Amino acid sequence: MTTYTYSKARQNFSNILEMAQKKGEIFIRRKDGSLFVLKPYCKSGSPLDVPGVDISITREEITGYLKEARER
């Protein structure tokens, strides 16, 4: 658990952000004892959400292949 004081975090904010990126999270403690977590934002999405592939095939060709496969 890497913890920095508010003053150190403010003085070295760029470095703190880089460390949070590498380590996953950094803790920042204020004078009054309150503790905060700084961690990178991870965009959530489906692992199945992938870009399409252009295979240059027409709709008629696809339906023809499907009909052919179903006849087997």
PDB file of N, CA and C in Angstrom:
ATOM      1  N   MET A   1       0.858  -1.176   0.000  1.00  0.00           N
ATOM      2  CA  MET A   1       0.000   0.000   0.000  1.00  0.00           C
ATOM      3  C   MET A   1       0.899   1.233   0.000  1.00  0.00           C
ATOM      4  N   THR A   2       0.933   1.929  -1.104  1.00  0.00           N
ATOM      5  CA  THR A   2       1.734   3.140  -1.226  1.00  0.00           C
ATOM      6  C   THR A   2       0.889   4.332  -0.801  1.00  0.00           C
ATOM      7  N   THR A   3       1.344   5.039   0.219  1.00  0.00           N
ATOM      8  CA  THR A   3       0.592   6.172   0.764  1.00  0.00           C
ATOM      9  C   THR A   3       1.452   7.425   0.723  1.00  0.00           C
ATOM     10  N   TYR A   4       0.852   8.526   0.297  1.00  0.00           N
ATOM     11  CA  TYR A   4       1.527   9.819   0.260  1.00  0.00           C
ATOM     12  C   TYR A   4       0.697  10.813   1.057  1.00  0.00           C
ATOM     13  N   THR A   5       1.386  11.813   1.582  1.00  0.00           N
ATOM     14  CA  THR A   5       0.651  12.901   2.227  1.00  0.00           C
ATOM     15  C   THR A   5       0.058  13.774   1.118  1.00  0.00           C
ATOM     16  N   TYR A   6      -0.925  14.556   1.493  1.00  0.00           N
ATOM     17  CA  TYR A   6      -1.565  15.453   0.531  1.00  0.00           C
ATOM     18  C   TYR A   6      -0.533  16.397  -0.079  1.00  0.00           C
ATOM     19  N   SER A   7       0.360  16.931   0.751  1.00  0.00           N
ATOM     20  CA  SER A   7       1.374  17.881   0.267  1.00  0.00           C
ATOM     21  C   SER A   7       2.304  17.242  -0.747  1.00  0.00           C
ATOM     22  N   LYS A   8       2.802  16.031  -0.450  1.00  0.00           N
ATOM     23  CA  LYS A   8       3.700  15.330  -1.386  1.00  0.00           C
ATOM     24  C   LYS A   8       2.965  14.986  -2.684  1.00  0.00           C
ATOM     25  N   ALA A   9       1.733  14.566  -2.573  1.00  0.00           N
ATOM     26  CA  ALA A   9       0.958  14.211  -3.767  1.00  0.00           C
ATOM     27  C   ALA A   9       0.739  15.446  -4.641  1.00  0.00           C
ATOM     28  N   ARG A  10       0.464  16.563  -4.014  1.00  0.00           N
ATOM     29  CA  ARG A  10       0.231  17.797  -4.764  1.00  0.00           C
ATOM     30  C   ARG A  10       1.501  18.262  -5.459  1.00  0.00           C
ATOM     31  N   GLN A  11       2.636  18.135  -4.793  1.00  0.00           N
ATOM     32  CA  GLN A  11       3.906  18.582  -5.361  1.00  0.00           C
ATOM     33  C   GLN A  11       4.362  17.689  -6.520  1.00  0.00           C
ATOM     34  N   ASN A  12       4.034  16.415  -6.449  1.00  0.00           N
ATOM     35  CA  ASN A  12       4.494  15.452  -7.452  1.00  0.00           C
ATOM     36  C   ASN A  12       3.317  14.783  -8.167  1.00  0.00           C
ATOM     37  N   PHE A  13       2.313  15.560  -8.495  1.00  0.00           N
ATOM     38  CA  PHE A  13       1.076  14.987  -9.017  1.00  0.00           C
ATOM     39  C   PHE A  13       1.287  14.157 -10.287  1.00  0.00           C
ATOM     40  N   SER A  14       2.113  14.631 -11.189  1.00  0.00           N
ATOM     41  CA  SER A  14       2.365  13.893 -12.426  1.00  0.00           C
ATOM     42  C   SER A  14       2.982  12.530 -12.133  1.00  0.00           C
ATOM     43  N   ASN A  15       3.958  12.504 -11.231  1.00  0.00           N
ATOM     44  CA  ASN A  15       4.590  11.233 -10.858  1.00  0.00           C
ATOM     45  C   ASN A  15       3.611  10.316 -10.138  1.00  0.00           C
ATOM     46  N   ILE A  16       2.762  10.892  -9.311  1.00  0.00           N
ATOM     47  CA  ILE A  16       1.762  10.108  -8.578  1.00  0.00           C
ATOM     48  C   ILE A  16       0.804   9.447  -9.559  1.00  0.00           C
ATOM     49  N   LEU A  17       0.394  10.175 -10.590  1.00  0.00           N
ATOM     50  CA  LEU A  17      -0.502   9.601 -11.604  1.00  0.00           C
ATOM     51  C   LEU A  17       0.166   8.444 -12.340  1.00  0.00           C
ATOM     52  N   GLU A  18       1.440   8.598 -12.667  1.00  0.00           N
ATOM     53  CA  GLU A  18       2.171   7.516 -13.339  1.00  0.00           C
ATOM     54  C   GLU A  18       2.288   6.292 -12.442  1.00  0.00           C
ATOM     55  N   MET A  19       2.546   6.506 -11.162  1.00  0.00           N
ATOM     56  CA  MET A  19       2.654   5.388 -10.229  1.00  0.00           C
ATOM     57  C   MET A  19       1.311   4.686 -10.062  1.00  0.00           C
ATOM     58  N   ALA A  20       0.236   5.459 -10.022  1.00  0.00           N
ATOM     59  CA  ALA A  20      -1.100   4.862  -9.922  1.00  0.00           C
ATOM     60  C   ALA A  20      -1.390   4.020 -11.156  1.00  0.00           C
ATOM     61  N   GLN A  21      -0.939   4.485 -12.316  1.00  0.00           N
ATOM     62  CA  GLN A  21      -1.126   3.732 -13.559  1.00  0.00           C
ATOM     63  C   GLN A  21      -0.387   2.397 -13.484  1.00  0.00           C
ATOM     64  N   LYS A  22       0.825   2.399 -12.938  1.00  0.00           N
ATOM     65  CA  LYS A  22       1.636   1.186 -12.863  1.00  0.00           C
ATOM     66  C   LYS A  22       1.172   0.249 -11.749  1.00  0.00           C
ATOM     67  N   LYS A  23       0.915   0.803 -10.564  1.00  0.00           N
ATOM     68  CA  LYS A  23       0.606  -0.022  -9.399  1.00  0.00           C
ATOM     69  C   LYS A  23      -0.873  -0.339  -9.247  1.00  0.00           C
ATOM     70  N   GLY A  24      -1.736   0.452  -9.876  1.00  0.00           N
ATOM     71  CA  GLY A  24      -3.171   0.203  -9.777  1.00  0.00           C
ATOM     72  C   GLY A  24      -3.883   1.160  -8.852  1.00  0.00           C
ATOM     73  N   GLU A  25      -3.231   1.561  -7.758  1.00  0.00           N
ATOM     74  CA  GLU A  25      -3.853   2.540  -6.873  1.00  0.00           C
ATOM     75  C   GLU A  25      -2.807   3.142  -5.942  1.00  0.00           C
ATOM     76  N   ILE A  26      -3.049   4.378  -5.553  1.00  0.00           N
ATOM     77  CA  ILE A  26      -2.190   5.117  -4.632  1.00  0.00           C
ATOM     78  C   ILE A  26      -3.106   5.723  -3.571  1.00  0.00           C
ATOM     79  N   PHE A  27      -2.655   5.694  -2.321  1.00  0.00           N
ATOM     80  CA  PHE A  27      -3.429   6.278  -1.241  1.00  0.00           C
ATOM     81  C   PHE A  27      -2.867   7.638  -0.886  1.00  0.00           C
ATOM     82  N   ILE A  28      -3.758   8.576  -0.602  1.00  0.00           N
ATOM     83  CA  ILE A  28      -3.366   9.925  -0.217  1.00  0.00           C
ATOM     84  C   ILE A  28      -4.034  10.231   1.124  1.00  0.00           C
ATOM     85  N   ARG A  29      -3.192  10.614   2.099  1.00  0.00           N
ATOM     86  CA  ARG A  29      -3.695  10.883   3.440  1.00  0.00           C
ATOM     87  C   ARG A  29      -3.615  12.385   3.722  1.00  0.00           C
ATOM     88  N   ARG A  30      -4.720  12.931   4.233  1.00  0.00           N
ATOM     89  CA  ARG A  30      -4.746  14.339   4.623  1.00  0.00           C
ATOM     90  C   ARG A  30      -4.285  14.498   6.065  1.00  0.00           C
ATOM     91  N   LYS A  31      -4.074  15.740   6.461  1.00  0.00           N
ATOM     92  CA  LYS A  31      -3.641  16.026   7.830  1.00  0.00           C
ATOM     93  C   LYS A  31      -4.634  15.517   8.869  1.00  0.00           C
ATOM     94  N   ASP A  32      -5.918  15.607   8.544  1.00  0.00           N
ATOM     95  CA  ASP A  32      -6.945  15.192   9.505  1.00  0.00           C
ATOM     96  C   ASP A  32      -7.092  13.667   9.581  1.00  0.00           C
ATOM     97  N   GLY A  33      -6.291  12.930   8.784  1.00  0.00           N
ATOM     98  CA  GLY A  33      -6.309  11.473   8.840  1.00  0.00           C
ATOM     99  C   GLY A  33      -7.187  10.805   7.794  1.00  0.00           C
ATOM    100  N   SER A  34      -7.984  11.578   7.078  1.00  0.00           N
ATOM    101  CA  SER A  34      -8.838  10.963   6.061  1.00  0.00           C
ATOM    102  C   SER A  34      -7.969  10.428   4.925  1.00  0.00           C
ATOM    103  N   LEU A  35      -8.394   9.310   4.386  1.00  0.00           N
ATOM    104  CA  LEU A  35      -7.611   8.587   3.388  1.00  0.00           C
ATOM    105  C   LEU A  35      -8.397   8.501   2.087  1.00  0.00           C
ATOM    106  N   PHE A  36      -7.720   8.747   0.981  1.00  0.00           N
ATOM    107  CA  PHE A  36      -8.346   8.709  -0.338  1.00  0.00           C
ATOM    108  C   PHE A  36      -7.568   7.756  -1.233  1.00  0.00           C
ATOM    109  N   VAL A  37      -8.248   7.213  -2.204  1.00  0.00           N
ATOM    110  CA  VAL A  37      -7.621   6.295  -3.153  1.00  0.00           C
ATOM    111  C   VAL A  37      -7.614   6.955  -4.525  1.00  0.00           C
ATOM    112  N   LEU A  38      -6.457   6.946  -5.163  1.00  0.00           N
ATOM    113  CA  LEU A  38      -6.317   7.442  -6.524  1.00  0.00           C
ATOM    114  C   LEU A  38      -5.988   6.232  -7.393  1.00  0.00           C
ATOM    115  N   LYS A  39      -6.870   5.918  -8.340  1.00  0.00           N
ATOM    116  CA  LYS A  39      -6.604   4.791  -9.222  1.00  0.00           C
ATOM    117  C   LYS A  39      -7.066   5.118 -10.634  1.00  0.00           C
ATOM    118  N   PRO A  40      -6.450   4.480 -11.620  1.00  0.00           N
ATOM    119  CA  PRO A  40      -6.808   4.776 -13.009  1.00  0.00           C
ATOM    120  C   PRO A  40      -8.218   4.298 -13.323  1.00  0.00           C
ATOM    121  N   TYR A  41      -8.864   5.028 -14.183  1.00  0.00           N
ATOM    122  CA  TYR A  41     -10.206   4.673 -14.619  1.00  0.00           C
ATOM    123  C   TYR A  41     -10.099   3.594 -15.686  1.00  0.00           C
ATOM    124  N   CYS A  42     -10.790   2.510 -15.473  1.00  0.00           N
ATOM    125  CA  CYS A  42     -10.801   1.415 -16.439  1.00  0.00           C
ATOM    126  C   CYS A  42     -12.145   1.416 -17.145  1.00  0.00           C
ATOM    127  N   LYS A  43     -12.093   1.665 -18.403  1.00  0.00           N
ATOM    128  CA  LYS A  43     -13.320   1.675 -19.189  1.00  0.00           C
ATOM    129  C   LYS A  43     -13.889   0.266 -19.229  1.00  0.00           C
ATOM    130  N   SER A  44     -15.088   0.133 -18.728  1.00  0.00           N
ATOM    131  CA  SER A  44     -15.695  -1.197 -18.719  1.00  0.00           C
ATOM    132  C   SER A  44     -16.460  -1.417 -20.012  1.00  0.00           C
ATOM    133  N   GLY A  45     -16.382  -2.590 -20.479  1.00  0.00           N
ATOM    134  CA  GLY A  45     -17.071  -2.959 -21.703  1.00  0.00           C
ATOM    135  C   GLY A  45     -17.022  -4.458 -21.855  1.00  0.00           C
ATOM    136  N   SER A  46     -17.760  -4.939 -22.756  1.00  0.00           N
ATOM    137  CA  SER A  46     -17.795  -6.364 -22.987  1.00  0.00           C
ATOM    138  C   SER A  46     -16.532  -6.812 -23.713  1.00  0.00           C
ATOM    139  N   PRO A  47     -15.950  -7.927 -23.299  1.00  0.00           N
ATOM    140  CA  PRO A  47     -14.800  -8.444 -24.038  1.00  0.00           C
ATOM    141  C   PRO A  47     -15.196  -8.902 -25.443  1.00  0.00           C
ATOM    142  N   LEU A  48     -16.492  -9.047 -25.669  1.00  0.00           N
ATOM    143  CA  LEU A  48     -16.974  -9.449 -26.992  1.00  0.00           C
ATOM    144  C   LEU A  48     -17.229  -8.249 -27.896  1.00  0.00           C
ATOM    145  N   ASP A  49     -17.072  -7.053 -27.365  1.00  0.00           N
ATOM    146  CA  ASP A  49     -17.286  -5.839 -28.133  1.00  0.00           C
ATOM    147  C   ASP A  49     -16.023  -5.540 -28.936  1.00  0.00           C
ATOM    148  N   VAL A  50     -15.940  -6.133 -30.111  1.00  0.00           N
ATOM    149  CA  VAL A  50     -14.769  -5.988 -30.972  1.00  0.00           C
ATOM    150  C   VAL A  50     -15.184  -5.322 -32.278  1.00  0.00           C
ATOM    151  N   PRO A  51     -14.262  -4.654 -32.923  1.00  0.00           N
ATOM    152  CA  PRO A  51     -14.606  -4.026 -34.198  1.00  0.00           C
ATOM    153  C   PRO A  51     -14.872  -5.075 -35.271  1.00  0.00           C
ATOM    154  N   GLY A  52     -15.729  -4.731 -36.191  1.00  0.00           N
ATOM    155  CA  GLY A  52     -16.073  -5.646 -37.279  1.00  0.00           C
ATOM    156  C   GLY A  52     -14.950  -5.774 -38.293  1.00  0.00           C
ATOM    157  N   VAL A  53     -15.062  -6.800 -39.116  1.00  0.00           N
ATOM    158  CA  VAL A  53     -14.066  -7.058 -40.149  1.00  0.00           C
ATOM    159  C   VAL A  53     -14.768  -6.968 -41.497  1.00  0.00           C
ATOM    160  N   ASP A  54     -14.232  -6.163 -42.393  1.00  0.00           N
ATOM    161  CA  ASP A  54     -14.805  -6.028 -43.724  1.00  0.00           C
ATOM    162  C   ASP A  54     -14.287  -7.173 -44.596  1.00  0.00           C
ATOM    163  N   ILE A  55     -15.187  -8.107 -44.954  1.00  0.00           N
ATOM    164  CA  ILE A  55     -14.763  -9.261 -45.754  1.00  0.00           C
ATOM    165  C   ILE A  55     -15.224  -9.135 -47.207  1.00  0.00           C
ATOM    166  N   SER A  56     -15.809  -7.994 -47.544  1.00  0.00           N
ATOM    167  CA  SER A  56     -16.244  -7.718 -48.923  1.00  0.00           C
ATOM    168  C   SER A  56     -17.098  -8.842 -49.497  1.00  0.00           C
ATOM    169  N   ILE A  57     -18.165  -9.158 -48.791  1.00  0.00           N
ATOM    170  CA  ILE A  57     -19.085 -10.193 -49.249  1.00  0.00           C
ATOM    171  C   ILE A  57     -20.496  -9.610 -49.208  1.00  0.00           C
ATOM    172  N   THR A  58     -21.306  -9.961 -50.177  1.00  0.00           N
ATOM    173  CA  THR A  58     -22.652  -9.405 -50.251  1.00  0.00           C
ATOM    174  C   THR A  58     -23.623 -10.218 -49.401  1.00  0.00           C
ATOM    175  N   ARG A  59     -24.764  -9.635 -49.144  1.00  0.00           N
ATOM    176  CA  ARG A  59     -25.807 -10.309 -48.386  1.00  0.00           C
ATOM    177  C   ARG A  59     -26.297 -11.550 -49.119  1.00  0.00           C
ATOM    178  N   GLU A  60     -26.390 -11.460 -50.424  1.00  0.00           N
ATOM    179  CA  GLU A  60     -26.847 -12.601 -51.221  1.00  0.00           C
ATOM    180  C   GLU A  60     -25.878 -13.776 -51.122  1.00  0.00           C
ATOM    181  N   GLU A  61     -24.570 -13.468 -51.116  1.00  0.00           N
ATOM    182  CA  GLU A  61     -23.581 -14.530 -50.981  1.00  0.00           C
ATOM    183  C   GLU A  61     -23.678 -15.205 -49.615  1.00  0.00           C
ATOM    184  N   ILE A  62     -23.882 -14.424 -48.590  1.00  0.00           N
ATOM    185  CA  ILE A  62     -24.009 -14.980 -47.238  1.00  0.00           C
ATOM    186  C   ILE A  62     -25.230 -15.882 -47.149  1.00  0.00           C
ATOM    187  N   THR A  63     -26.377 -15.412 -47.644  1.00  0.00           N
ATOM    188  CA  THR A  63     -27.586 -16.239 -47.574  1.00  0.00           C
ATOM    189  C   THR A  63     -27.439 -17.489 -48.429  1.00  0.00           C
ATOM    190  N   GLY A  64     -26.729 -17.380 -49.528  1.00  0.00           N
ATOM    191  CA  GLY A  64     -26.485 -18.560 -50.364  1.00  0.00           C
ATOM    192  C   GLY A  64     -25.651 -19.599 -49.628  1.00  0.00           C
ATOM    193  N   TYR A  65     -24.616 -19.155 -48.931  1.00  0.00           N
ATOM    194  CA  TYR A  65     -23.776 -20.078 -48.147  1.00  0.00           C
ATOM    195  C   TYR A  65     -24.572 -20.718 -47.019  1.00  0.00           C
ATOM    196  N   LEU A  66     -25.438 -19.937 -46.392  1.00  0.00           N
ATOM    197  CA  LEU A  66     -26.255 -20.486 -45.292  1.00  0.00           C
ATOM    198  C   LEU A  66     -27.233 -21.531 -45.808  1.00  0.00           C
ATOM    199  N   LYS A  67     -27.878 -21.246 -46.938  1.00  0.00           N
ATOM    200  CA  LYS A  67     -28.802 -22.238 -47.517  1.00  0.00           C
ATOM    201  C   LYS A  67     -28.081 -23.504 -47.889  1.00  0.00           C
ATOM    202  N   GLU A  68     -26.914 -23.365 -48.467  1.00  0.00           N
ATOM    203  CA  GLU A  68     -26.097 -24.519 -48.847  1.00  0.00           C
ATOM    204  C   GLU A  68     -25.701 -25.347 -47.631  1.00  0.00           C
ATOM    205  N   ALA A  69     -25.317 -24.671 -46.557  1.00  0.00           N
ATOM    206  CA  ALA A  69     -24.905 -25.386 -45.336  1.00  0.00           C
ATOM    207  C   ALA A  69     -26.080 -26.092 -44.682  1.00  0.00           C
ATOM    208  N   ARG A  70     -27.275 -25.498 -44.743  1.00  0.00           N
ATOM    209  CA  ARG A  70     -28.459 -26.104 -44.126  1.00  0.00           C
ATOM    210  C   ARG A  70     -28.941 -27.321 -44.894  1.00  0.00           C
ATOM    211  N   GLU A  71     -28.655 -27.380 -46.184  1.00  0.00           N
ATOM    212  CA  GLU A  71     -29.088 -28.502 -47.001  1.00  0.00           C
ATOM    213  C   GLU A  71     -28.256 -29.761 -46.738  1.00  0.00           C
ATOM    214  N   ARG A  72     -27.137 -29.631 -46.136  1.00  0.00           N
ATOM    215  CA  ARG A  72     -26.265 -30.772 -45.864  1.00  0.00           C
ATOM    216  C   ARG A  72     -26.769 -31.646 -44.765  1.00  0.00           C
TER     217      ARG A  72
END
